[in-house]
Amino acid sequence: MVATPATTVALPTHLTTVDEFEQWQTQPGTDGNFEFVRGQIIPKSMKQNFQFVVADLFA
């Protein structure tokens, strides 16, 4: 079971570079709990949950 975090911040879909992401992340209203992975913004907790699922597959 994967829990999805409740996100109140509208995540942009137009960012293409890490620099653009970092500028967005410094704006008021973002709490800094996001990562830029392969052109997508994901909550850090979602990435951690994914890592545990992948680790369980290889255990």
PDB file of N, CA and C in Angstrom:
ATOM      1  N   MET A   1       0.839  -1.174   0.000  1.00  0.00           N
ATOM      2  CA  MET A   1       0.000   0.000   0.000  1.00  0.00           C
ATOM      3  C   MET A   1       0.885   1.238   0.000  1.00  0.00           C
ATOM      4  N   VAL A   2       0.587   2.170  -0.893  1.00  0.00           N
ATOM      5  CA  VAL A   2       1.356   3.402  -0.997  1.00  0.00           C
ATOM      6  C   VAL A   2       0.459   4.563  -0.605  1.00  0.00           C
ATOM      7  N   ALA A   3       0.893   5.317   0.379  1.00  0.00           N
ATOM      8  CA  ALA A   3       0.131   6.478   0.813  1.00  0.00           C
ATOM      9  C   ALA A   3       0.496   7.671  -0.048  1.00  0.00           C
ATOM     10  N   THR A   4      -0.507   8.411  -0.469  1.00  0.00           N
ATOM     11  CA  THR A   4      -0.247   9.617  -1.240  1.00  0.00           C
ATOM     12  C   THR A   4      -0.385  10.825  -0.331  1.00  0.00           C
ATOM     13  N   PRO A   5       0.615  11.680  -0.326  1.00  0.00           N
ATOM     14  CA  PRO A   5       0.560  12.843   0.554  1.00  0.00           C
ATOM     15  C   PRO A   5      -0.466  13.855   0.066  1.00  0.00           C
ATOM     16  N   ALA A   6      -1.093  14.547   1.017  1.00  0.00           N
ATOM     17  CA  ALA A   6      -2.043  15.594   0.671  1.00  0.00           C
ATOM     18  C   ALA A   6      -1.257  16.844   0.309  1.00  0.00           C
ATOM     19  N   THR A   7      -1.354  17.245  -0.938  1.00  0.00           N
ATOM     20  CA  THR A   7      -0.600  18.392  -1.413  1.00  0.00           C
ATOM     21  C   THR A   7      -1.568  19.516  -1.741  1.00  0.00           C
ATOM     22  N   THR A   8      -1.361  20.683  -1.124  1.00  0.00           N
ATOM     23  CA  THR A   8      -2.217  21.822  -1.397  1.00  0.00           C
ATOM     24  C   THR A   8      -1.589  22.764  -2.412  1.00  0.00           C
ATOM     25  N   VAL A   9      -0.330  22.574  -2.709  1.00  0.00           N
ATOM     26  CA  VAL A   9       0.380  23.415  -3.669  1.00  0.00           C
ATOM     27  C   VAL A   9       0.156  22.854  -5.063  1.00  0.00           C
ATOM     28  N   ALA A  10      -0.252  23.719  -6.003  1.00  0.00           N
ATOM     29  CA  ALA A  10      -0.408  23.287  -7.386  1.00  0.00           C
ATOM     30  C   ALA A  10       0.993  23.135  -7.984  1.00  0.00           C
ATOM     31  N   LEU A  11       1.315  21.940  -8.400  1.00  0.00           N
ATOM     32  CA  LEU A  11       2.643  21.674  -8.940  1.00  0.00           C
ATOM     33  C   LEU A  11       2.692  22.078 -10.407  1.00  0.00           C
ATOM     34  N   PRO A  12       3.668  22.890 -10.791  1.00  0.00           N
ATOM     35  CA  PRO A  12       3.771  23.300 -12.193  1.00  0.00           C
ATOM     36  C   PRO A  12       4.224  22.145 -13.078  1.00  0.00           C
ATOM     37  N   THR A  13       3.811  22.195 -14.320  1.00  0.00           N
ATOM     38  CA  THR A  13       4.203  21.150 -15.275  1.00  0.00           C
ATOM     39  C   THR A  13       5.097  21.701 -16.373  1.00  0.00           C
ATOM     40  N   HIS A  14       5.381  23.009 -16.353  1.00  0.00           N
ATOM     41  CA  HIS A  14       6.148  23.634 -17.423  1.00  0.00           C
ATOM     42  C   HIS A  14       7.644  23.741 -17.135  1.00  0.00           C
ATOM     43  N   LEU A  15       8.090  23.339 -15.956  1.00  0.00           N
ATOM     44  CA  LEU A  15       9.512  23.464 -15.615  1.00  0.00           C
ATOM     45  C   LEU A  15      10.322  22.408 -16.358  1.00  0.00           C
ATOM     46  N   THR A  16      11.447  22.841 -16.939  1.00  0.00           N
ATOM     47  CA  THR A  16      12.249  21.904 -17.721  1.00  0.00           C
ATOM     48  C   THR A  16      13.676  21.766 -17.211  1.00  0.00           C
ATOM     49  N   THR A  17      14.109  22.687 -16.347  1.00  0.00           N
ATOM     50  CA  THR A  17      15.481  22.617 -15.847  1.00  0.00           C
ATOM     51  C   THR A  17      15.494  22.662 -14.325  1.00  0.00           C
ATOM     52  N   VAL A  18      16.600  22.244 -13.763  1.00  0.00           N
ATOM     53  CA  VAL A  18      16.769  22.278 -12.313  1.00  0.00           C
ATOM     54  C   VAL A  18      16.753  23.726 -11.829  1.00  0.00           C
ATOM     55  N   ASP A  19      17.335  24.636 -12.610  1.00  0.00           N
ATOM     56  CA  ASP A  19      17.336  26.052 -12.221  1.00  0.00           C
ATOM     57  C   ASP A  19      15.908  26.590 -12.102  1.00  0.00           C
ATOM     58  N   GLU A  20      15.050  26.264 -13.074  1.00  0.00           N
ATOM     59  CA  GLU A  20      13.652  26.698 -13.008  1.00  0.00           C
ATOM     60  C   GLU A  20      12.965  26.102 -11.788  1.00  0.00           C
ATOM     61  N   PHE A  21      13.227  24.830 -11.506  1.00  0.00           N
ATOM     62  CA  PHE A  21      12.645  24.174 -10.342  1.00  0.00           C
ATOM     63  C   PHE A  21      13.090  24.854  -9.053  1.00  0.00           C
ATOM     64  N   GLU A  22      14.381  25.156  -8.948  1.00  0.00           N
ATOM     65  CA  GLU A  22      14.886  25.798  -7.733  1.00  0.00           C
ATOM     66  C   GLU A  22      14.278  27.178  -7.534  1.00  0.00           C
ATOM     67  N   GLN A  23      14.074  27.924  -8.611  1.00  0.00           N
ATOM     68  CA  GLN A  23      13.416  29.221  -8.503  1.00  0.00           C
ATOM     69  C   GLN A  23      11.975  29.051  -8.030  1.00  0.00           C
ATOM     70  N   TRP A  24      11.260  28.072  -8.578  1.00  0.00           N
ATOM     71  CA  TRP A  24       9.882  27.809  -8.151  1.00  0.00           C
ATOM     72  C   TRP A  24       9.846  27.420  -6.678  1.00  0.00           C
ATOM     73  N   GLN A  25      10.785  26.597  -6.261  1.00  0.00           N
ATOM     74  CA  GLN A  25      10.780  26.067  -4.896  1.00  0.00           C
ATOM     75  C   GLN A  25      11.050  27.162  -3.859  1.00  0.00           C
ATOM     76  N   THR A  26      11.693  28.247  -4.228  1.00  0.00           N
ATOM     77  CA  THR A  26      11.974  29.323  -3.282  1.00  0.00           C
ATOM     78  C   THR A  26      10.801  30.288  -3.134  1.00  0.00           C
ATOM     79  N   GLN A  27       9.754  30.129  -3.938  1.00  0.00           N
ATOM     80  CA  GLN A  27       8.594  30.998  -3.842  1.00  0.00           C
ATOM     81  C   GLN A  27       7.815  30.701  -2.567  1.00  0.00           C
ATOM     82  N   PRO A  28       7.157  31.732  -2.015  1.00  0.00           N
ATOM     83  CA  PRO A  28       6.304  31.496  -0.839  1.00  0.00           C
ATOM     84  C   PRO A  28       5.189  30.504  -1.174  1.00  0.00           C
ATOM     85  N   GLY A  29       4.876  29.658  -0.231  1.00  0.00           N
ATOM     86  CA  GLY A  29       3.825  28.661  -0.440  1.00  0.00           C
ATOM     87  C   GLY A  29       4.345  27.273  -0.732  1.00  0.00           C
ATOM     88  N   THR A  30       5.592  27.168  -1.115  1.00  0.00           N
ATOM     89  CA  THR A  30       6.188  25.841  -1.293  1.00  0.00           C
ATOM     90  C   THR A  30       7.024  25.554  -0.056  1.00  0.00           C
ATOM     91  N   ASP A  31       6.911  24.361   0.462  1.00  0.00           N
ATOM     92  CA  ASP A  31       7.587  24.042   1.715  1.00  0.00           C
ATOM     93  C   ASP A  31       8.935  23.367   1.530  1.00  0.00           C
ATOM     94  N   GLY A  32       9.381  23.215   0.304  1.00  0.00           N
ATOM     95  CA  GLY A  32      10.698  22.628   0.060  1.00  0.00           C
ATOM     96  C   GLY A  32      10.727  21.114   0.125  1.00  0.00           C
ATOM     97  N   ASN A  33       9.579  20.471   0.202  1.00  0.00           N
ATOM     98  CA  ASN A  33       9.543  19.012   0.289  1.00  0.00           C
ATOM     99  C   ASN A  33       9.315  18.359  -1.068  1.00  0.00           C
ATOM    100  N   PHE A  34       9.910  18.936  -2.095  1.00  0.00           N
ATOM    101  CA  PHE A  34       9.755  18.404  -3.439  1.00  0.00           C
ATOM    102  C   PHE A  34      11.119  18.163  -4.058  1.00  0.00           C
ATOM    103  N   GLU A  35      11.146  17.260  -5.030  1.00  0.00           N
ATOM    104  CA  GLU A  35      12.362  16.991  -5.791  1.00  0.00           C
ATOM    105  C   GLU A  35      12.029  17.016  -7.268  1.00  0.00           C
ATOM    106  N   PHE A  36      13.023  17.330  -8.071  1.00  0.00           N
ATOM    107  CA  PHE A  36      12.884  17.384  -9.523  1.00  0.00           C
ATOM    108  C   PHE A  36      13.545  16.135 -10.078  1.00  0.00           C
ATOM    109  N   VAL A  37      12.743  15.189 -10.534  1.00  0.00           N
ATOM    110  CA  VAL A  37      13.255  13.902 -10.998  1.00  0.00           C
ATOM    111  C   VAL A  37      12.768  13.652 -12.419  1.00  0.00           C
ATOM    112  N   ARG A  38      13.706  13.543 -13.330  1.00  0.00           N
ATOM    113  CA  ARG A  38      13.405  13.259 -14.741  1.00  0.00           C
ATOM    114  C   ARG A  38      12.342  14.199 -15.303  1.00  0.00           C
ATOM    115  N   GLY A  39      12.471  15.484 -14.977  1.00  0.00           N
ATOM    116  CA  GLY A  39      11.559  16.487 -15.514  1.00  0.00           C
ATOM    117  C   GLY A  39      10.232  16.590 -14.808  1.00  0.00           C
ATOM    118  N   GLN A  40      10.050  15.869 -13.708  1.00  0.00           N
ATOM    119  CA  GLN A  40       8.799  15.921 -12.960  1.00  0.00           C
ATOM    120  C   GLN A  40       9.068  16.332 -11.522  1.00  0.00           C
ATOM    121  N   ILE A  41       8.120  17.059 -10.950  1.00  0.00           N
ATOM    122  CA  ILE A  41       8.208  17.450  -9.551  1.00  0.00           C
ATOM    123  C   ILE A  41       7.434  16.417  -8.738  1.00  0.00           C
ATOM    124  N   ILE A  42       8.120  15.812  -7.773  1.00  0.00           N
ATOM    125  CA  ILE A  42       7.469  14.824  -6.926  1.00  0.00           C
ATOM    126  C   ILE A  42       7.721  15.171  -5.467  1.00  0.00           C
ATOM    127  N   PRO A  43       6.758  14.851  -4.600  1.00  0.00           N
ATOM    128  CA  PRO A  43       6.993  15.034  -3.164  1.00  0.00           C
ATOM    129  C   PRO A  43       8.101  14.102  -2.704  1.00  0.00           C
ATOM    130  N   LYS A  44       8.949  14.552  -1.787  1.00  0.00           N
ATOM    131  CA  LYS A  44      10.053  13.726  -1.297  1.00  0.00           C
ATOM    132  C   LYS A  44       9.552  12.442  -0.660  1.00  0.00           C
ATOM    133  N   SER A  45       8.445  12.489   0.070  1.00  0.00           N
ATOM    134  CA  SER A  45       7.947  11.278   0.709  1.00  0.00           C
ATOM    135  C   SER A  45       7.530  10.244  -0.327  1.00  0.00           C
ATOM    136  N   MET A  46       7.023  10.692  -1.476  1.00  0.00           N
ATOM    137  CA  MET A  46       6.643   9.766  -2.541  1.00  0.00           C
ATOM    138  C   MET A  46       7.869   9.037  -3.069  1.00  0.00           C
ATOM    139  N   LYS A  47       8.976   9.755  -3.221  1.00  0.00           N
ATOM    140  CA  LYS A  47      10.215   9.139  -3.686  1.00  0.00           C
ATOM    141  C   LYS A  47      10.697   8.104  -2.675  1.00  0.00           C
ATOM    142  N   GLN A  48      10.616   8.427  -1.395  1.00  0.00           N
ATOM    143  CA  GLN A  48      11.055   7.500  -0.364  1.00  0.00           C
ATOM    144  C   GLN A  48      10.190   6.245  -0.375  1.00  0.00           C
ATOM    145  N   ASN A  49       8.869   6.386  -0.545  1.00  0.00           N
ATOM    146  CA  ASN A  49       7.992   5.226  -0.620  1.00  0.00           C
ATOM    147  C   ASN A  49       8.354   4.362  -1.814  1.00  0.00           C
ATOM    148  N   PHE A  50       8.658   4.979  -2.944  1.00  0.00           N
ATOM    149  CA  PHE A  50       9.044   4.246  -4.142  1.00  0.00           C
ATOM    150  C   PHE A  50      10.335   3.470  -3.909  1.00  0.00           C
ATOM    151  N   GLN A  51      11.286   4.085  -3.208  1.00  0.00           N
ATOM    152  CA  GLN A  51      12.543   3.410  -2.936  1.00  0.00           C
ATOM    153  C   GLN A  51      12.309   2.171  -2.082  1.00  0.00           C
ATOM    154  N   PHE A  52      11.406   2.245  -1.117  1.00  0.00           N
ATOM    155  CA  PHE A  52      11.116   1.086  -0.281  1.00  0.00           C
ATOM    156  C   PHE A  52      10.453  -0.026  -1.093  1.00  0.00           C
ATOM    157  N   VAL A  53       9.567   0.327  -2.005  1.00  0.00           N
ATOM    158  CA  VAL A  53       8.904  -0.677  -2.837  1.00  0.00           C
ATOM    159  C   VAL A  53       9.915  -1.372  -3.725  1.00  0.00           C
ATOM    160  N   VAL A  54      10.808  -0.609  -4.346  1.00  0.00           N
ATOM    161  CA  VAL A  54      11.824  -1.194  -5.205  1.00  0.00           C
ATOM    162  C   VAL A  54      12.765  -2.077  -4.386  1.00  0.00           C
ATOM    163  N   ALA A  55      13.144  -1.609  -3.197  1.00  0.00           N
ATOM    164  CA  ALA A  55      14.029  -2.411  -2.334  1.00  0.00           C
ATOM    165  C   ALA A  55      13.353  -3.721  -1.945  1.00  0.00           C
ATOM    166  N   ASP A  56      12.033  -3.675  -1.703  1.00  0.00           N
ATOM    167  CA  ASP A  56      11.308  -4.900  -1.345  1.00  0.00           C
ATOM    168  C   ASP A  56      11.276  -5.891  -2.498  1.00  0.00           C
ATOM    169  N   LEU A  57      11.264  -5.398  -3.728  1.00  0.00           N
ATOM    170  CA  LEU A  57      11.257  -6.293  -4.888  1.00  0.00           C
ATOM    171  C   LEU A  57      12.546  -7.100  -4.989  1.00  0.00           C
ATOM    172  N   PHE A  58      13.651  -6.506  -4.565  1.00  0.00           N
ATOM    173  CA  PHE A  58      14.933  -7.176  -4.666  1.00  0.00           C
ATOM    174  C   PHE A  58      15.345  -7.885  -3.387  1.00  0.00           C
ATOM    175  N   ALA A  59      14.514  -7.835  -2.373  1.00  0.00           N
ATOM    176  CA  ALA A  59      14.857  -8.478  -1.093  1.00  0.00           C
ATOM    177  C   ALA A  59      14.565  -9.960  -1.142  1.00  0.00           C
TER     178      ALA A  59
END
